[in-house]
Amino acid sequence: MPLLGQASGGWTESSSALRILHAGVRNTVGVLTADSFTQTNPPIVTVAATVSDQVDTTVNGVLSGSVAFTRPDEGPNFIGGNIETGLTALQEFLIKPLGCFINDAVGNAYENTPGPASGKGPYMSSQGTYGNQLFETQALAAVGAYAQGADLVYATGMGLIASRNGYLMPNLDSAGASFDAQTTAAESEHAAANDSSTLLAILKMPADAVQNEIVYDQRV
């Protein structure tokens, strides 16, 4: 079915995985961490069977459509991708998802590269409606009804959270059980003491054979 709303950017949106249908805030307050330009993709779970079909593994740095996190390990007001090593217990707890990056940090071919020049990586916050081509397609770990590498099920009304790789993923397994009720190595906040992942969005339209993106209303 056709999507309503006004997309930003060029006609094809070929350089961005994130398609802005109804904009929230293009947030530029944060400063990108150094590893926002150098991380490999996917950055943490790299087993071939669990890597999202949507990821361009040749690009370094945070990607368009990937989740922007607070990064207290770098200092106040830093943002970047998810990180799991070299952290204190408090820093691990304080790395929280904020929204999704609009563009790759390192820029795109034949375009200017404001990220490296300014140290800024704009991300969408304060709600809005978006189409996103960057999301997990397989389970990063065995959890609930999923074996590691099993195809993830997306359904209208599901909540979306951040995976360990910093990509969107559903907050429920295929049987409707919440990941927060289980010990899992799939979600970015699996070690949170309050046992509750940040709800980033509500899914409106799953991807299909025609539209290889998920459409959602953002909640942060």
C-alpha atoms as a PDB file:
ATOM      1  CA  MET A   1       0.000   0.000   0.000  1.00  0.00           C
ATOM      2  CA  PRO A   2       1.232   3.550  -0.564  1.00  0.00           C
ATOM      3  CA  LEU A   3       2.766   5.501   2.273  1.00  0.00           C
ATOM      4  CA  LEU A   4       1.321   8.885   3.159  1.00  0.00           C
ATOM      5  CA  GLY A   5       3.432  11.819   4.214  1.00  0.00           C
ATOM      6  CA  GLN A   6       6.256  13.878   2.840  1.00  0.00           C
ATOM      7  CA  ALA A   7       9.680  12.299   2.578  1.00  0.00           C
ATOM      8  CA  SER A   8      12.731  14.496   2.984  1.00  0.00           C
ATOM      9  CA  GLY A   9      15.767  14.592   0.719  1.00  0.00           C
ATOM     10  CA  GLY A  10      16.011  13.411  -2.858  1.00  0.00           C
ATOM     11  CA  TRP A  11      13.421  11.530  -4.826  1.00  0.00           C
ATOM     12  CA  THR A  12      14.975   8.113  -4.252  1.00  0.00           C
ATOM     13  CA  GLU A  13      16.503   8.729  -0.803  1.00  0.00           C
ATOM     14  CA  SER A  14      19.313   6.563  -2.161  1.00  0.00           C
ATOM     15  CA  SER A  15      21.943   7.829   0.278  1.00  0.00           C
ATOM     16  CA  SER A  16      19.959   7.337   3.493  1.00  0.00           C
ATOM     17  CA  ALA A  17      18.432   4.277   5.086  1.00  0.00           C
ATOM     18  CA  LEU A  18      16.211   6.516   7.206  1.00  0.00           C
ATOM     19  CA  ARG A  19      13.258   8.035   5.339  1.00  0.00           C
ATOM     20  CA  ILE A  20      11.571  10.915   7.115  1.00  0.00           C
ATOM     21  CA  LEU A  21       7.804  10.807   6.598  1.00  0.00           C
ATOM     22  CA  HIS A  22       6.744  13.172   9.393  1.00  0.00           C
ATOM     23  CA  ALA A  23       9.666  14.798  11.153  1.00  0.00           C
ATOM     24  CA  GLY A  24      10.321  15.082  14.839  1.00  0.00           C
ATOM     25  CA  VAL A  25      13.452  17.068  15.718  1.00  0.00           C
ATOM     26  CA  ARG A  26      16.679  16.900  13.719  1.00  0.00           C
ATOM     27  CA  ASN A  27      18.822  16.845  16.826  1.00  0.00           C
ATOM     28  CA  THR A  28      22.382  18.166  16.485  1.00  0.00           C
ATOM     29  CA  VAL A  29      23.191  18.863  20.136  1.00  0.00           C
ATOM     30  CA  GLY A  30      25.479  15.849  20.668  1.00  0.00           C
ATOM     31  CA  VAL A  31      29.126  15.445  19.624  1.00  0.00           C
ATOM     32  CA  LEU A  32      30.092  12.228  17.835  1.00  0.00           C
ATOM     33  CA  THR A  33      32.545   9.877  19.555  1.00  0.00           C
ATOM     34  CA  ALA A  34      35.744   8.959  17.725  1.00  0.00           C
ATOM     35  CA  ASP A  35      34.497   5.415  17.116  1.00  0.00           C
ATOM     36  CA  SER A  36      31.385   6.834  15.423  1.00  0.00           C
ATOM     37  CA  PHE A  37      33.638   7.190  12.360  1.00  0.00           C
ATOM     38  CA  THR A  38      35.652   3.973  12.678  1.00  0.00           C
ATOM     39  CA  GLN A  39      33.403   1.171  14.015  1.00  0.00           C
ATOM     40  CA  THR A  40      32.886  -1.806  11.757  1.00  0.00           C
ATOM     41  CA  ASN A  41      29.374  -2.851  10.796  1.00  0.00           C
ATOM     42  CA  PRO A  42      27.897  -4.757  12.429  1.00  0.00           C
ATOM     43  CA  PRO A  43      29.999  -3.612  15.403  1.00  0.00           C
ATOM     44  CA  ILE A  44      29.397  -6.300  18.051  1.00  0.00           C
ATOM     45  CA  VAL A  45      27.611  -9.472  16.896  1.00  0.00           C
ATOM     46  CA  THR A  46      29.397 -10.468  13.697  1.00  0.00           C
ATOM     47  CA  VAL A  47      28.460 -14.132  13.223  1.00  0.00           C
ATOM     48  CA  ALA A  48      27.352 -14.424   9.599  1.00  0.00           C
ATOM     49  CA  ALA A  49      24.081 -16.163  10.427  1.00  0.00           C
ATOM     50  CA  THR A  50      23.021 -13.332  12.717  1.00  0.00           C
ATOM     51  CA  VAL A  51      24.063 -10.283  10.696  1.00  0.00           C
ATOM     52  CA  SER A  52      21.203  -8.163   9.401  1.00  0.00           C
ATOM     53  CA  ASP A  53      20.605  -8.500   5.664  1.00  0.00           C
ATOM     54  CA  GLN A  54      20.263  -4.720   5.592  1.00  0.00           C
ATOM     55  CA  VAL A  55      23.806  -3.808   6.699  1.00  0.00           C
ATOM     56  CA  ASP A  56      26.485  -2.503   4.336  1.00  0.00           C
ATOM     57  CA  THR A  57      29.493  -4.244   5.876  1.00  0.00           C
ATOM     58  CA  THR A  58      31.946  -2.229   3.748  1.00  0.00           C
ATOM     59  CA  VAL A  59      31.120   1.066   5.499  1.00  0.00           C
ATOM     60  CA  ASN A  60      32.783   2.112   8.744  1.00  0.00           C
ATOM     61  CA  GLY A  61      31.153   4.308  11.375  1.00  0.00           C
ATOM     62  CA  VAL A  62      27.571   4.695  12.514  1.00  0.00           C
ATOM     63  CA  LEU A  63      25.060   4.201   9.715  1.00  0.00           C
ATOM     64  CA  SER A  64      21.983   6.016   8.521  1.00  0.00           C
ATOM     65  CA  GLY A  65      19.045   4.456  10.371  1.00  0.00           C
ATOM     66  CA  SER A  66      21.200   3.061  13.180  1.00  0.00           C
ATOM     67  CA  VAL A  67      20.487   3.994  16.786  1.00  0.00           C
ATOM     68  CA  ALA A  68      22.228   6.937  18.454  1.00  0.00           C
ATOM     69  CA  PHE A  69      23.256   6.223  22.054  1.00  0.00           C
ATOM     70  CA  THR A  70      24.428   8.398  24.919  1.00  0.00           C
ATOM     71  CA  ARG A  71      28.140   7.760  25.454  1.00  0.00           C
ATOM     72  CA  PRO A  72      29.165   8.748  28.995  1.00  0.00           C
ATOM     73  CA  ASP A  73      32.436   6.844  28.544  1.00  0.00           C
ATOM     74  CA  GLU A  74      33.581   9.664  26.213  1.00  0.00           C
ATOM     75  CA  GLY A  75      32.260  12.496  28.377  1.00  0.00           C
ATOM     76  CA  PRO A  76      29.191  14.727  28.639  1.00  0.00           C
ATOM     77  CA  ASN A  77      27.129  15.339  25.494  1.00  0.00           C
ATOM     78  CA  PHE A  78      28.805  12.608  23.410  1.00  0.00           C
ATOM     79  CA  ILE A  79      26.729  10.286  21.220  1.00  0.00           C
ATOM     80  CA  GLY A  80      27.628   7.312  19.063  1.00  0.00           C
ATOM     81  CA  GLY A  81      26.992   3.649  18.442  1.00  0.00           C
ATOM     82  CA  ASN A  82      26.659   0.969  21.100  1.00  0.00           C
ATOM     83  CA  ILE A  83      29.789  -0.137  22.972  1.00  0.00           C
ATOM     84  CA  GLU A  84      30.297  -2.979  25.452  1.00  0.00           C
ATOM     85  CA  THR A  85      34.006  -3.042  26.362  1.00  0.00           C
ATOM     86  CA  GLY A  86      36.104  -0.918  28.696  1.00  0.00           C
ATOM     87  CA  LEU A  87      33.107   0.406  30.610  1.00  0.00           C
ATOM     88  CA  THR A  88      32.413   0.830  34.286  1.00  0.00           C
ATOM     89  CA  ALA A  89      29.182  -0.676  35.601  1.00  0.00           C
ATOM     90  CA  LEU A  90      27.650   2.802  35.787  1.00  0.00           C
ATOM     91  CA  GLN A  91      28.704   3.704  32.223  1.00  0.00           C
ATOM     92  CA  GLU A  92      27.189   0.488  30.899  1.00  0.00           C
ATOM     93  CA  PHE A  93      23.900   1.322  32.576  1.00  0.00           C
ATOM     94  CA  LEU A  94      23.925   4.907  31.261  1.00  0.00           C
ATOM     95  CA  ILE A  95      24.395   4.069  27.577  1.00  0.00           C
ATOM     96  CA  LYS A  96      20.833   4.668  26.391  1.00  0.00           C
ATOM     97  CA  PRO A  97      19.243   4.953  22.928  1.00  0.00           C
ATOM     98  CA  LEU A  98      18.098   8.410  21.844  1.00  0.00           C
ATOM     99  CA  GLY A  99      16.764   8.004  18.297  1.00  0.00           C
ATOM    100  CA  CYS A 100      18.086   7.102  14.845  1.00  0.00           C
ATOM    101  CA  PHE A 101      20.861   8.739  12.832  1.00  0.00           C
ATOM    102  CA  ILE A 102      19.764  10.476   9.640  1.00  0.00           C
ATOM    103  CA  ASN A 103      22.956   9.853   7.648  1.00  0.00           C
ATOM    104  CA  ASP A 104      26.138   7.799   7.880  1.00  0.00           C
ATOM    105  CA  ALA A 105      28.764   9.545  10.013  1.00  0.00           C
ATOM    106  CA  VAL A 106      31.388   9.310   7.282  1.00  0.00           C
ATOM    107  CA  GLY A 107      29.082  10.691   4.588  1.00  0.00           C
ATOM    108  CA  ASN A 108      28.343   9.363   1.128  1.00  0.00           C
ATOM    109  CA  ALA A 109      30.144   9.343  -2.195  1.00  0.00           C
ATOM    110  CA  TYR A 110      29.777  12.529  -4.266  1.00  0.00           C
ATOM    111  CA  GLU A 111      28.281  14.415  -1.297  1.00  0.00           C
ATOM    112  CA  ASN A 112      29.774  16.784   1.230  1.00  0.00           C
ATOM    113  CA  THR A 113      30.818  15.197   4.533  1.00  0.00           C
ATOM    114  CA  PRO A 114      29.563  17.418   7.361  1.00  0.00           C
ATOM    115  CA  GLY A 115      30.057  14.692   9.990  1.00  0.00           C
ATOM    116  CA  PRO A 116      33.861  14.514   9.855  1.00  0.00           C
ATOM    117  CA  ALA A 117      34.054  18.268   9.322  1.00  0.00           C
ATOM    118  CA  SER A 118      31.853  19.250  12.265  1.00  0.00           C
ATOM    119  CA  GLY A 119      31.917  16.263  14.590  1.00  0.00           C
ATOM    120  CA  LYS A 120      28.110  16.271  14.506  1.00  0.00           C
ATOM    121  CA  GLY A 121      25.790  13.399  13.644  1.00  0.00           C
ATOM    122  CA  PRO A 122      22.161  14.564  13.423  1.00  0.00           C
ATOM    123  CA  TYR A 123      19.592  12.078  14.684  1.00  0.00           C
ATOM    124  CA  MET A 124      15.801  12.170  14.859  1.00  0.00           C
ATOM    125  CA  SER A 125      14.302  12.723  18.304  1.00  0.00           C
ATOM    126  CA  SER A 126      10.986  13.991  19.704  1.00  0.00           C
ATOM    127  CA  GLN A 127       8.823  11.421  17.925  1.00  0.00           C
ATOM    128  CA  GLY A 128       7.791  11.572  14.255  1.00  0.00           C
ATOM    129  CA  THR A 129       7.095   8.842  11.658  1.00  0.00           C
ATOM    130  CA  TYR A 130       9.858   7.149   9.674  1.00  0.00           C
ATOM    131  CA  GLY A 131      10.695   4.442   7.193  1.00  0.00           C
ATOM    132  CA  ASN A 132      13.934   2.637   7.993  1.00  0.00           C
ATOM    133  CA  GLN A 133      15.823   0.112   5.878  1.00  0.00           C
ATOM    134  CA  LEU A 134      18.295  -0.732   8.650  1.00  0.00           C
ATOM    135  CA  PHE A 135      16.910  -3.291  11.089  1.00  0.00           C
ATOM    136  CA  GLU A 136      17.840  -6.715  12.415  1.00  0.00           C
ATOM    137  CA  THR A 137      16.516  -9.552  10.290  1.00  0.00           C
ATOM    138  CA  GLN A 138      17.828 -12.498  12.347  1.00  0.00           C
ATOM    139  CA  ALA A 139      18.009 -13.172  16.066  1.00  0.00           C
ATOM    140  CA  LEU A 140      21.441 -12.246  17.436  1.00  0.00           C
ATOM    141  CA  ALA A 141      21.149 -14.886  20.155  1.00  0.00           C
ATOM    142  CA  ALA A 142      18.923 -17.765  21.178  1.00  0.00           C
ATOM    143  CA  VAL A 143      16.066 -16.156  23.063  1.00  0.00           C
ATOM    144  CA  GLY A 144      12.467 -17.137  23.731  1.00  0.00           C
ATOM    145  CA  ALA A 145      10.979 -18.803  20.659  1.00  0.00           C
ATOM    146  CA  TYR A 146      14.053 -17.941  18.543  1.00  0.00           C
ATOM    147  CA  ALA A 147      17.189 -19.893  17.868  1.00  0.00           C
ATOM    148  CA  GLN A 148      20.264 -17.848  17.041  1.00  0.00           C
ATOM    149  CA  GLY A 149      20.050 -16.817  13.400  1.00  0.00           C
ATOM    150  CA  ALA A 150      16.295 -17.440  13.136  1.00  0.00           C
ATOM    151  CA  ASP A 151      14.328 -14.934  11.073  1.00  0.00           C
ATOM    152  CA  LEU A 152      12.763 -12.252  13.254  1.00  0.00           C
ATOM    153  CA  VAL A 153       9.008 -11.687  12.990  1.00  0.00           C
ATOM    154  CA  TYR A 154       7.808  -8.085  12.720  1.00  0.00           C
ATOM    155  CA  ALA A 155       4.100  -7.334  13.191  1.00  0.00           C
ATOM    156  CA  THR A 156       2.095  -4.110  13.367  1.00  0.00           C
ATOM    157  CA  GLY A 157       1.854  -2.880  16.949  1.00  0.00           C
ATOM    158  CA  MET A 158       5.124  -4.388  18.142  1.00  0.00           C
ATOM    159  CA  GLY A 159       7.517  -2.206  20.086  1.00  0.00           C
ATOM    160  CA  LEU A 160      10.968  -1.568  18.619  1.00  0.00           C
ATOM    161  CA  ILE A 161      14.117  -1.501  20.725  1.00  0.00           C
ATOM    162  CA  ALA A 162      17.850  -1.300  20.007  1.00  0.00           C
ATOM    163  CA  SER A 163      19.831  -4.456  19.344  1.00  0.00           C
ATOM    164  CA  ARG A 164      23.383  -4.922  20.598  1.00  0.00           C
ATOM    165  CA  ASN A 165      24.573  -3.812  17.166  1.00  0.00           C
ATOM    166  CA  GLY A 166      22.598  -0.591  17.420  1.00  0.00           C
ATOM    167  CA  TYR A 167      19.953  -1.505  14.859  1.00  0.00           C
ATOM    168  CA  LEU A 168      16.201  -1.642  15.410  1.00  0.00           C
ATOM    169  CA  MET A 169      14.662  -4.960  16.470  1.00  0.00           C
ATOM    170  CA  PRO A 170      11.283  -6.084  17.885  1.00  0.00           C
ATOM    171  CA  ASN A 171      10.798  -6.253  21.651  1.00  0.00           C
ATOM    172  CA  LEU A 172       8.790  -9.484  21.415  1.00  0.00           C
ATOM    173  CA  ASP A 173       9.604 -12.933  20.122  1.00  0.00           C
ATOM    174  CA  SER A 174       7.409 -14.757  17.606  1.00  0.00           C
ATOM    175  CA  ALA A 175       5.249 -16.140  20.440  1.00  0.00           C
ATOM    176  CA  GLY A 176       4.610 -12.675  21.891  1.00  0.00           C
ATOM    177  CA  ALA A 177       6.953 -12.995  24.882  1.00  0.00           C
ATOM    178  CA  SER A 178       8.884  -9.878  25.890  1.00  0.00           C
ATOM    179  CA  PHE A 179      12.669 -10.040  25.702  1.00  0.00           C
ATOM    180  CA  ASP A 180      12.802  -8.002  28.901  1.00  0.00           C
ATOM    181  CA  ALA A 181      11.422 -10.955  30.833  1.00  0.00           C
ATOM    182  CA  GLN A 182      14.368 -13.105  29.753  1.00  0.00           C
ATOM    183  CA  THR A 183      18.141 -13.054  29.895  1.00  0.00           C
ATOM    184  CA  THR A 184      19.215 -12.288  26.357  1.00  0.00           C
ATOM    185  CA  ALA A 185      22.339 -11.293  24.469  1.00  0.00           C
ATOM    186  CA  ALA A 186      20.272  -9.775  21.653  1.00  0.00           C
ATOM    187  CA  GLU A 187      19.258  -6.360  22.985  1.00  0.00           C
ATOM    188  CA  SER A 188      21.542  -3.458  23.815  1.00  0.00           C
ATOM    189  CA  GLU A 189      20.218  -3.060  27.362  1.00  0.00           C
ATOM    190  CA  HIS A 190      20.238  -6.722  28.355  1.00  0.00           C
ATOM    191  CA  ALA A 191      22.344  -5.948  31.443  1.00  0.00           C
ATOM    192  CA  ALA A 192      20.167  -3.080  32.679  1.00  0.00           C
ATOM    193  CA  ALA A 193      19.384  -3.431  36.370  1.00  0.00           C
ATOM    194  CA  ASN A 194      15.762  -2.431  35.855  1.00  0.00           C
ATOM    195  CA  ASP A 195      15.330  -5.234  33.310  1.00  0.00           C
ATOM    196  CA  SER A 196      13.581  -2.951  30.849  1.00  0.00           C
ATOM    197  CA  SER A 197      14.723  -1.858  27.384  1.00  0.00           C
ATOM    198  CA  THR A 198      14.007   1.638  26.127  1.00  0.00           C
ATOM    199  CA  LEU A 199      10.993   1.627  23.818  1.00  0.00           C
ATOM    200  CA  LEU A 200      12.135   3.474  20.702  1.00  0.00           C
ATOM    201  CA  ALA A 201       9.064   3.142  18.489  1.00  0.00           C
ATOM    202  CA  ILE A 202       5.795   1.380  17.651  1.00  0.00           C
ATOM    203  CA  LEU A 203       5.831  -0.550  14.389  1.00  0.00           C
ATOM    204  CA  LYS A 204       3.187   0.510  11.856  1.00  0.00           C
ATOM    205  CA  MET A 205       4.204  -1.441   8.735  1.00  0.00           C
ATOM    206  CA  PRO A 206       6.579  -4.421   8.544  1.00  0.00           C
ATOM    207  CA  ALA A 207       8.828  -4.798   5.527  1.00  0.00           C
ATOM    208  CA  ASP A 208       7.521  -6.842   2.617  1.00  0.00           C
ATOM    209  CA  ALA A 209       8.614  -7.904  -0.868  1.00  0.00           C
ATOM    210  CA  VAL A 210       7.754  -4.471  -2.285  1.00  0.00           C
ATOM    211  CA  GLN A 211       8.870  -2.115   0.495  1.00  0.00           C
ATOM    212  CA  ASN A 212      12.104  -3.307   2.120  1.00  0.00           C
ATOM    213  CA  GLU A 213      11.795  -1.018   5.120  1.00  0.00           C
ATOM    214  CA  ILE A 214       9.907  -0.870   8.376  1.00  0.00           C
ATOM    215  CA  VAL A 215       7.635   2.100   9.102  1.00  0.00           C
ATOM    216  CA  TYR A 216       7.122   3.239  12.677  1.00  0.00           C
ATOM    217  CA  ASP A 217       6.025   6.015  15.002  1.00  0.00           C
ATOM    218  CA  GLN A 218       8.981   7.011  17.144  1.00  0.00           C
ATOM    219  CA  ARG A 219       8.481   7.255  20.902  1.00  0.00           C
ATOM    220  CA  VAL A 220      11.682   9.035  21.997  1.00  0.00           C
END
